Amino acid sequence: MGTVKTVGKSGQLSLGKQFAGRQVCVEETEPGVWTIRLGRFVPESELWLHEPGVSASIDRGIEWARQTPPAPTDLSALQTHRSRLRG
């Protein structure tokens, strides 16, 4: 049997200082039965970053950035290009 804990008046349960700041997933598998798992969770607004095509594209971009040294920007060429795009 595990450790017996008491839920406080505010509905909180302490898992101990060793878990402070960690994310956990709490699942209620049936009324009164919970499973608590440590994990790292992705916010919904960032889920698209983990899709296979997007992830591969990001990896290619990071590899390009590693292999390509920075260079000064020609602001006049950039302005000309921008003007052409706006047509």
C-alpha atoms as a PDB file:
ATOM      1  CA  MET A   1       0.000   0.000   0.000  1.00  0.00           C
ATOM      2  CA  GLY A   2       1.160   3.544  -0.713  1.00  0.00           C
ATOM      3  CA  THR A   3       1.395   6.564   1.537  1.00  0.00           C
ATOM      4  CA  VAL A   4      -1.823   7.885   3.095  1.00  0.00           C
ATOM      5  CA  LYS A   5      -2.315  11.633   2.611  1.00  0.00           C
ATOM      6  CA  THR A   6      -5.117  14.003   3.584  1.00  0.00           C
ATOM      7  CA  VAL A   7      -6.686  16.421   1.126  1.00  0.00           C
ATOM      8  CA  GLY A   8      -6.632  19.914   2.641  1.00  0.00           C
ATOM      9  CA  LYS A   9      -9.640  22.212   3.117  1.00  0.00           C
ATOM     10  CA  SER A  10      -8.897  23.951  -0.202  1.00  0.00           C
ATOM     11  CA  GLY A  11      -8.915  20.615  -2.056  1.00  0.00           C
ATOM     12  CA  GLN A  12      -5.150  20.432  -2.455  1.00  0.00           C
ATOM     13  CA  LEU A  13      -2.930  17.431  -1.967  1.00  0.00           C
ATOM     14  CA  SER A  14       0.820  17.727  -1.379  1.00  0.00           C
ATOM     15  CA  LEU A  15       3.049  15.208  -3.129  1.00  0.00           C
ATOM     16  CA  GLY A  16       6.202  16.428  -1.407  1.00  0.00           C
ATOM     17  CA  LYS A  17       8.957  18.957  -2.065  1.00  0.00           C
ATOM     18  CA  GLN A  18      10.781  16.620  -4.446  1.00  0.00           C
ATOM     19  CA  PHE A  19       7.962  17.249  -6.963  1.00  0.00           C
ATOM     20  CA  ALA A  20       7.816  21.037  -6.536  1.00  0.00           C
ATOM     21  CA  GLY A  21       7.556  22.803  -9.886  1.00  0.00           C
ATOM     22  CA  ARG A  22       7.113  19.552 -11.837  1.00  0.00           C
ATOM     23  CA  GLN A  23       4.174  18.937 -14.124  1.00  0.00           C
ATOM     24  CA  VAL A  24       1.913  15.991 -13.453  1.00  0.00           C
ATOM     25  CA  CYS A  25      -1.021  14.467 -15.281  1.00  0.00           C
ATOM     26  CA  VAL A  26      -3.898  13.524 -12.988  1.00  0.00           C
ATOM     27  CA  GLU A  27      -6.404  11.062 -14.431  1.00  0.00           C
ATOM     28  CA  GLU A  28      -9.553   9.947 -12.689  1.00  0.00           C
ATOM     29  CA  THR A  29      -9.997   6.389 -13.946  1.00  0.00           C
ATOM     30  CA  GLU A  30     -13.202   5.905 -11.975  1.00  0.00           C
ATOM     31  CA  PRO A  31     -14.876   7.894  -9.191  1.00  0.00           C
ATOM     32  CA  GLY A  32     -12.408   8.189  -6.323  1.00  0.00           C
ATOM     33  CA  VAL A  33      -9.497   6.550  -8.204  1.00  0.00           C
ATOM     34  CA  TRP A  34      -6.739   8.796  -9.572  1.00  0.00           C
ATOM     35  CA  THR A  35      -3.529   8.055 -11.385  1.00  0.00           C
ATOM     36  CA  ILE A  36      -0.805  10.706 -11.077  1.00  0.00           C
ATOM     37  CA  ARG A  37       2.045  10.610 -13.601  1.00  0.00           C
ATOM     38  CA  LEU A  38       5.056  12.898 -13.934  1.00  0.00           C
ATOM     39  CA  GLY A  39       5.535  14.264 -17.416  1.00  0.00           C
ATOM     40  CA  ARG A  40       6.196  17.149 -19.736  1.00  0.00           C
ATOM     41  CA  PHE A  41       3.139  18.417 -21.495  1.00  0.00           C
ATOM     42  CA  VAL A  42       2.754  20.489 -24.631  1.00  0.00           C
ATOM     43  CA  PRO A  43       0.326  23.443 -24.607  1.00  0.00           C
ATOM     44  CA  GLU A  44      -2.408  23.107 -27.249  1.00  0.00           C
ATOM     45  CA  SER A  45      -1.189  26.271 -28.966  1.00  0.00           C
ATOM     46  CA  GLU A  46       2.166  24.527 -29.615  1.00  0.00           C
ATOM     47  CA  LEU A  47       0.902  21.113 -30.754  1.00  0.00           C
ATOM     48  CA  TRP A  48       1.364  22.054 -34.433  1.00  0.00           C
ATOM     49  CA  LEU A  49       5.118  22.238 -33.814  1.00  0.00           C
ATOM     50  CA  HIS A  50       5.166  18.487 -33.160  1.00  0.00           C
ATOM     51  CA  GLU A  51       3.449  17.407 -36.385  1.00  0.00           C
ATOM     52  CA  PRO A  52       5.838  15.315 -38.534  1.00  0.00           C
ATOM     53  CA  GLY A  53       6.096  17.724 -41.494  1.00  0.00           C
ATOM     54  CA  VAL A  54       6.506  20.797 -39.310  1.00  0.00           C
ATOM     55  CA  SER A  55       9.059  19.162 -37.073  1.00  0.00           C
ATOM     56  CA  ALA A  56      11.155  18.117 -40.094  1.00  0.00           C
ATOM     57  CA  SER A  57      10.956  21.640 -41.532  1.00  0.00           C
ATOM     58  CA  ILE A  58      12.096  23.159 -38.240  1.00  0.00           C
ATOM     59  CA  ASP A  59      14.962  20.658 -38.045  1.00  0.00           C
ATOM     60  CA  ARG A  60      16.079  21.644 -41.588  1.00  0.00           C
ATOM     61  CA  GLY A  61      15.951  25.326 -40.635  1.00  0.00           C
ATOM     62  CA  ILE A  62      18.021  24.760 -37.519  1.00  0.00           C
ATOM     63  CA  GLU A  63      20.588  22.756 -39.507  1.00  0.00           C
ATOM     64  CA  TRP A  64      20.752  25.517 -42.164  1.00  0.00           C
ATOM     65  CA  ALA A  65      21.314  28.105 -39.417  1.00  0.00           C
ATOM     66  CA  ARG A  66      24.134  25.997 -37.935  1.00  0.00           C
ATOM     67  CA  GLN A  67      25.898  25.688 -41.286  1.00  0.00           C
ATOM     68  CA  THR A  68      25.275  29.200 -42.633  1.00  0.00           C
ATOM     69  CA  PRO A  69      27.350  31.998 -41.145  1.00  0.00           C
ATOM     70  CA  PRO A  70      25.561  35.292 -40.508  1.00  0.00           C
ATOM     71  CA  ALA A  71      25.982  37.973 -43.168  1.00  0.00           C
ATOM     72  CA  PRO A  72      25.181  41.690 -43.204  1.00  0.00           C
ATOM     73  CA  THR A  73      21.774  42.605 -44.607  1.00  0.00           C
ATOM     74  CA  ASP A  74      21.597  44.812 -47.700  1.00  0.00           C
ATOM     75  CA  LEU A  75      18.714  47.028 -46.576  1.00  0.00           C
ATOM     76  CA  SER A  76      18.281  48.724 -49.963  1.00  0.00           C
ATOM     77  CA  ALA A  77      17.934  45.335 -51.710  1.00  0.00           C
ATOM     78  CA  LEU A  78      15.464  44.260 -49.064  1.00  0.00           C
ATOM     79  CA  GLN A  79      13.418  47.426 -49.575  1.00  0.00           C
ATOM     80  CA  THR A  80      13.441  46.901 -53.363  1.00  0.00           C
ATOM     81  CA  HIS A  81      12.281  43.302 -52.903  1.00  0.00           C
ATOM     82  CA  ARG A  82       9.531  44.413 -50.525  1.00  0.00           C
ATOM     83  CA  SER A  83       8.353  47.048 -53.008  1.00  0.00           C
ATOM     84  CA  ARG A  84       8.125  44.432 -55.770  1.00  0.00           C
ATOM     85  CA  LEU A  85       6.063  42.127 -53.577  1.00  0.00           C
ATOM     86  CA  ARG A  86       3.567  44.890 -52.813  1.00  0.00           C
ATOM     87  CA  GLY A  87       3.400  45.585 -56.543  1.00  0.00           C
END
